[in-house]
N, C-alpha and C. Protein backbone atom coordinates (compact mmCIF):
# COMPACT_ATOMS: atom_id res chain seq x y z
N MET A 1 -51.15 0.39 3.15
CA MET A 1 -50.53 1.16 2.12
C MET A 1 -49.49 0.30 1.49
N ALA A 2 -49.49 0.28 0.27
CA ALA A 2 -48.46 -0.58 -0.54
C ALA A 2 -47.18 0.23 -0.72
N LYS A 3 -46.11 -0.47 -0.82
CA LYS A 3 -44.84 0.10 -1.13
C LYS A 3 -44.76 0.44 -2.64
N GLU A 4 -44.21 1.62 -2.98
CA GLU A 4 -44.06 2.09 -4.31
C GLU A 4 -43.13 1.13 -5.03
N GLU A 5 -43.39 0.95 -6.27
CA GLU A 5 -42.52 0.12 -7.14
C GLU A 5 -41.18 0.89 -7.29
N LEU A 6 -40.09 0.08 -7.22
CA LEU A 6 -38.71 0.62 -7.37
C LEU A 6 -38.29 0.23 -8.72
N LEU A 7 -37.46 1.19 -9.34
CA LEU A 7 -36.76 0.88 -10.57
C LEU A 7 -35.50 0.18 -10.32
N THR A 8 -35.18 -0.88 -11.06
CA THR A 8 -33.94 -1.47 -10.98
C THR A 8 -33.20 -1.37 -12.23
N LEU A 9 -32.03 -0.79 -12.14
CA LEU A 9 -31.20 -0.50 -13.37
C LEU A 9 -29.79 -0.98 -13.09
N ASP A 10 -29.13 -1.36 -14.22
CA ASP A 10 -27.69 -1.74 -14.17
C ASP A 10 -26.87 -0.56 -14.55
N GLY A 11 -25.59 -0.56 -14.03
CA GLY A 11 -24.73 0.53 -14.19
C GLY A 11 -23.31 0.14 -13.88
N GLN A 12 -22.39 1.12 -13.89
CA GLN A 12 -21.02 0.98 -13.56
C GLN A 12 -20.51 1.99 -12.76
N ILE A 13 -19.79 1.75 -11.68
CA ILE A 13 -19.32 2.84 -10.79
C ILE A 13 -18.13 3.54 -11.60
N ASP A 14 -18.24 4.88 -11.59
CA ASP A 14 -17.23 5.66 -12.26
C ASP A 14 -16.50 6.65 -11.41
N GLU A 15 -17.03 6.83 -10.16
CA GLU A 15 -16.37 7.72 -9.24
C GLU A 15 -16.69 7.33 -7.78
N ILE A 16 -15.74 7.41 -6.86
CA ILE A 16 -15.94 7.24 -5.44
C ILE A 16 -16.06 8.65 -4.84
N LEU A 17 -17.14 8.89 -4.17
CA LEU A 17 -17.35 10.15 -3.47
C LEU A 17 -17.20 10.04 -2.01
N PRO A 18 -17.05 11.17 -1.20
CA PRO A 18 -16.90 11.00 0.16
C PRO A 18 -18.26 10.58 0.83
N ASP A 19 -18.19 10.14 2.01
CA ASP A 19 -19.30 9.80 2.82
C ASP A 19 -20.03 8.53 2.36
N GLY A 20 -19.24 7.68 1.77
CA GLY A 20 -19.86 6.33 1.33
C GLY A 20 -20.82 6.39 0.09
N ARG A 21 -20.60 7.29 -0.75
CA ARG A 21 -21.43 7.52 -1.88
C ARG A 21 -20.54 7.20 -3.16
N PHE A 22 -21.27 6.89 -4.24
CA PHE A 22 -20.54 6.54 -5.52
C PHE A 22 -21.29 7.27 -6.59
N GLY A 23 -20.48 7.71 -7.63
CA GLY A 23 -21.07 8.10 -8.91
C GLY A 23 -21.24 6.91 -9.79
N VAL A 24 -22.41 6.72 -10.29
CA VAL A 24 -22.78 5.53 -11.12
C VAL A 24 -23.27 6.00 -12.40
N LEU A 25 -22.67 5.43 -13.49
CA LEU A 25 -23.08 5.77 -14.88
C LEU A 25 -24.02 4.59 -15.27
N LEU A 26 -25.34 4.85 -15.51
CA LEU A 26 -26.28 3.75 -15.85
C LEU A 26 -26.14 3.46 -17.33
N GLU A 27 -26.78 2.31 -17.68
CA GLU A 27 -26.68 1.85 -19.05
C GLU A 27 -27.30 2.80 -20.03
N ASN A 28 -28.27 3.59 -19.59
CA ASN A 28 -28.90 4.61 -20.47
C ASN A 28 -28.15 5.90 -20.46
N ASP A 29 -26.88 5.87 -20.05
CA ASP A 29 -25.96 7.16 -20.05
C ASP A 29 -26.44 8.21 -19.13
N HIS A 30 -27.18 7.93 -18.10
CA HIS A 30 -27.44 8.95 -16.98
C HIS A 30 -26.59 8.68 -15.96
N ARG A 31 -26.14 9.69 -15.21
CA ARG A 31 -25.18 9.60 -14.13
C ARG A 31 -26.01 9.96 -12.82
N ILE A 32 -25.95 9.02 -11.82
CA ILE A 32 -26.62 9.31 -10.57
C ILE A 32 -25.68 9.17 -9.45
N ILE A 33 -26.10 9.53 -8.21
CA ILE A 33 -25.29 9.40 -6.95
C ILE A 33 -26.01 8.28 -6.22
N ALA A 34 -25.17 7.29 -5.82
CA ALA A 34 -25.80 6.05 -5.13
C ALA A 34 -25.00 5.78 -3.89
N TYR A 35 -25.61 5.18 -2.97
CA TYR A 35 -25.07 4.66 -1.80
C TYR A 35 -25.25 3.22 -1.57
N THR A 36 -24.42 2.51 -0.71
CA THR A 36 -24.58 1.07 -0.62
C THR A 36 -25.69 0.68 0.28
N ALA A 37 -26.37 -0.39 -0.01
CA ALA A 37 -27.44 -0.87 0.81
C ALA A 37 -26.93 -1.42 2.09
N GLY A 38 -27.79 -1.55 3.16
CA GLY A 38 -27.47 -2.02 4.43
C GLY A 38 -26.82 -3.39 4.47
N LYS A 39 -27.37 -4.28 3.65
CA LYS A 39 -26.82 -5.69 3.66
C LYS A 39 -25.35 -5.67 3.17
N MET A 40 -25.05 -4.85 2.15
CA MET A 40 -23.80 -4.72 1.65
C MET A 40 -22.76 -4.12 2.63
N ARG A 41 -23.23 -3.18 3.44
CA ARG A 41 -22.44 -2.57 4.52
C ARG A 41 -22.25 -3.66 5.59
N LYS A 42 -23.29 -4.39 5.93
CA LYS A 42 -23.27 -5.44 6.99
C LYS A 42 -22.22 -6.50 6.70
N PHE A 43 -22.14 -6.92 5.53
CA PHE A 43 -21.28 -7.99 5.11
C PHE A 43 -19.95 -7.52 4.43
N ARG A 44 -19.75 -6.16 4.60
CA ARG A 44 -18.55 -5.48 4.11
C ARG A 44 -18.16 -5.79 2.69
N ILE A 45 -19.12 -5.63 1.83
CA ILE A 45 -18.87 -5.85 0.45
C ILE A 45 -18.40 -4.45 -0.14
N ARG A 46 -17.25 -4.45 -0.64
CA ARG A 46 -16.56 -3.25 -1.06
C ARG A 46 -16.81 -3.06 -2.58
N SER A 47 -16.84 -1.87 -3.03
CA SER A 47 -17.00 -1.47 -4.36
C SER A 47 -15.89 -0.55 -4.85
N VAL A 48 -15.49 -0.74 -6.03
CA VAL A 48 -14.32 0.05 -6.53
C VAL A 48 -14.77 0.55 -7.97
N VAL A 49 -14.05 1.47 -8.42
CA VAL A 49 -14.32 2.05 -9.79
C VAL A 49 -14.17 1.02 -10.82
N GLY A 50 -15.18 0.88 -11.67
CA GLY A 50 -15.24 -0.15 -12.70
C GLY A 50 -16.10 -1.32 -12.41
N ASP A 51 -16.61 -1.42 -11.17
CA ASP A 51 -17.48 -2.52 -10.85
C ASP A 51 -18.83 -2.31 -11.48
N ARG A 52 -19.47 -3.43 -11.98
CA ARG A 52 -20.82 -3.40 -12.51
C ARG A 52 -21.73 -3.56 -11.32
N VAL A 53 -22.82 -2.75 -11.15
CA VAL A 53 -23.69 -2.81 -10.04
C VAL A 53 -25.12 -2.75 -10.49
N ARG A 54 -26.00 -3.10 -9.66
CA ARG A 54 -27.47 -3.01 -9.83
C ARG A 54 -28.04 -1.99 -8.85
N VAL A 55 -28.72 -1.04 -9.35
CA VAL A 55 -29.09 0.13 -8.55
C VAL A 55 -30.62 0.15 -8.52
N GLU A 56 -31.18 0.30 -7.25
CA GLU A 56 -32.64 0.57 -7.11
C GLU A 56 -32.90 2.00 -6.95
N MET A 57 -33.99 2.48 -7.69
CA MET A 57 -34.26 3.97 -7.63
C MET A 57 -35.80 4.08 -7.42
N THR A 58 -36.14 5.14 -6.71
CA THR A 58 -37.59 5.53 -6.61
C THR A 58 -38.04 6.30 -7.78
N PRO A 59 -39.30 6.18 -8.32
CA PRO A 59 -39.64 7.03 -9.37
C PRO A 59 -39.75 8.54 -9.04
N TYR A 60 -39.68 8.88 -7.84
CA TYR A 60 -39.84 10.31 -7.42
C TYR A 60 -38.61 11.07 -7.45
N ASP A 61 -37.45 10.39 -7.39
CA ASP A 61 -36.18 11.11 -7.53
C ASP A 61 -35.19 10.29 -8.33
N LEU A 62 -34.99 10.66 -9.63
CA LEU A 62 -34.25 9.88 -10.44
C LEU A 62 -32.83 10.22 -10.50
N SER A 63 -32.36 11.03 -9.51
CA SER A 63 -30.89 11.42 -9.50
C SER A 63 -30.21 10.67 -8.37
N LYS A 64 -30.94 9.89 -7.56
CA LYS A 64 -30.28 9.19 -6.42
C LYS A 64 -30.68 7.76 -6.50
N GLY A 65 -29.88 6.83 -5.94
CA GLY A 65 -30.26 5.50 -5.89
C GLY A 65 -29.55 4.71 -4.85
N ARG A 66 -29.86 3.42 -4.71
CA ARG A 66 -29.24 2.55 -3.62
C ARG A 66 -28.60 1.32 -4.42
N ILE A 67 -27.29 1.13 -4.25
CA ILE A 67 -26.59 -0.02 -4.75
C ILE A 67 -27.02 -1.28 -4.01
N VAL A 68 -27.61 -2.31 -4.77
CA VAL A 68 -28.07 -3.47 -4.04
C VAL A 68 -27.31 -4.79 -4.47
N PHE A 69 -26.53 -4.62 -5.47
CA PHE A 69 -25.77 -5.87 -5.97
C PHE A 69 -24.59 -5.35 -6.71
N ARG A 70 -23.39 -5.99 -6.38
CA ARG A 70 -22.19 -5.71 -7.11
C ARG A 70 -21.73 -6.97 -7.82
N ASP A 71 -21.41 -6.81 -9.16
CA ASP A 71 -20.94 -7.88 -9.92
C ASP A 71 -19.39 -7.70 -10.12
N LYS A 72 -18.64 -8.66 -9.62
CA LYS A 72 -17.21 -8.58 -9.88
C LYS A 72 -16.91 -8.69 -11.37
N GLY A 73 -16.19 -7.86 -11.80
CA GLY A 73 -15.84 -7.84 -13.30
C GLY A 73 -14.89 -9.00 -13.58
N PRO A 74 -14.40 -8.98 -14.84
CA PRO A 74 -13.35 -10.02 -15.16
C PRO A 74 -12.06 -9.76 -14.40
N GLY A 75 -11.49 -10.92 -13.84
CA GLY A 75 -10.38 -10.77 -13.10
C GLY A 75 -10.60 -10.52 -11.63
N GLY A 76 -11.94 -10.40 -11.27
CA GLY A 76 -12.24 -10.06 -9.87
C GLY A 76 -12.07 -11.40 -9.04
N GLY A 77 -12.38 -11.30 -7.78
CA GLY A 77 -12.19 -12.50 -6.95
C GLY A 77 -10.87 -12.34 -6.12
N GLY A 78 -9.92 -13.14 -6.66
CA GLY A 78 -8.49 -12.98 -6.04
C GLY A 78 -8.44 -13.43 -4.69
N VAL A 79 -7.44 -13.24 -3.99
CA VAL A 79 -7.16 -13.67 -2.62
C VAL A 79 -7.88 -12.78 -1.64
N PRO A 80 -8.64 -13.27 -0.70
CA PRO A 80 -9.31 -12.47 0.24
C PRO A 80 -8.27 -11.75 1.16
N GLY A 81 -8.59 -10.60 1.66
CA GLY A 81 -7.71 -9.96 2.60
C GLY A 81 -7.50 -10.65 3.90
N PRO A 82 -6.70 -10.06 4.82
CA PRO A 82 -6.47 -10.74 6.10
C PRO A 82 -7.67 -10.72 6.97
N ARG A 83 -7.88 -11.75 7.72
CA ARG A 83 -9.02 -11.80 8.63
C ARG A 83 -8.64 -11.30 9.99
N ARG A 84 -9.60 -10.68 10.59
CA ARG A 84 -9.43 -10.22 12.01
C ARG A 84 -9.70 -11.37 12.88
N THR A 85 -8.89 -11.50 13.90
CA THR A 85 -9.04 -12.39 14.99
C THR A 85 -9.28 -11.71 16.28
N ASN A 86 -10.02 -12.37 17.15
CA ASN A 86 -10.23 -11.69 18.38
C ASN A 86 -9.33 -12.34 19.43
N ARG A 87 -8.07 -12.26 19.25
CA ARG A 87 -7.06 -12.76 20.24
C ARG A 87 -6.92 -11.70 21.33
N ARG A 88 -6.49 -12.15 22.42
CA ARG A 88 -6.18 -11.24 23.52
C ARG A 88 -4.70 -11.43 23.90
């Protein structure tokens, strides 16, 4: 059985919701609820309001999606935060 085709759209995060979800405004002016993909959680990629993101959606439910890529906007990057060390 083949996997269904996913829709990939670009958008911008406009709201941070509880439980690791985000309100995303797509380029076609639709607003959806999206969560971060597992790889983004694994590598602790943080998203904030104003970030440009790429969202995957299934054709069956066009109100929800999964954030698979975050593009740092202008002025992004900066100095990384403190690193955790495993000292005893």
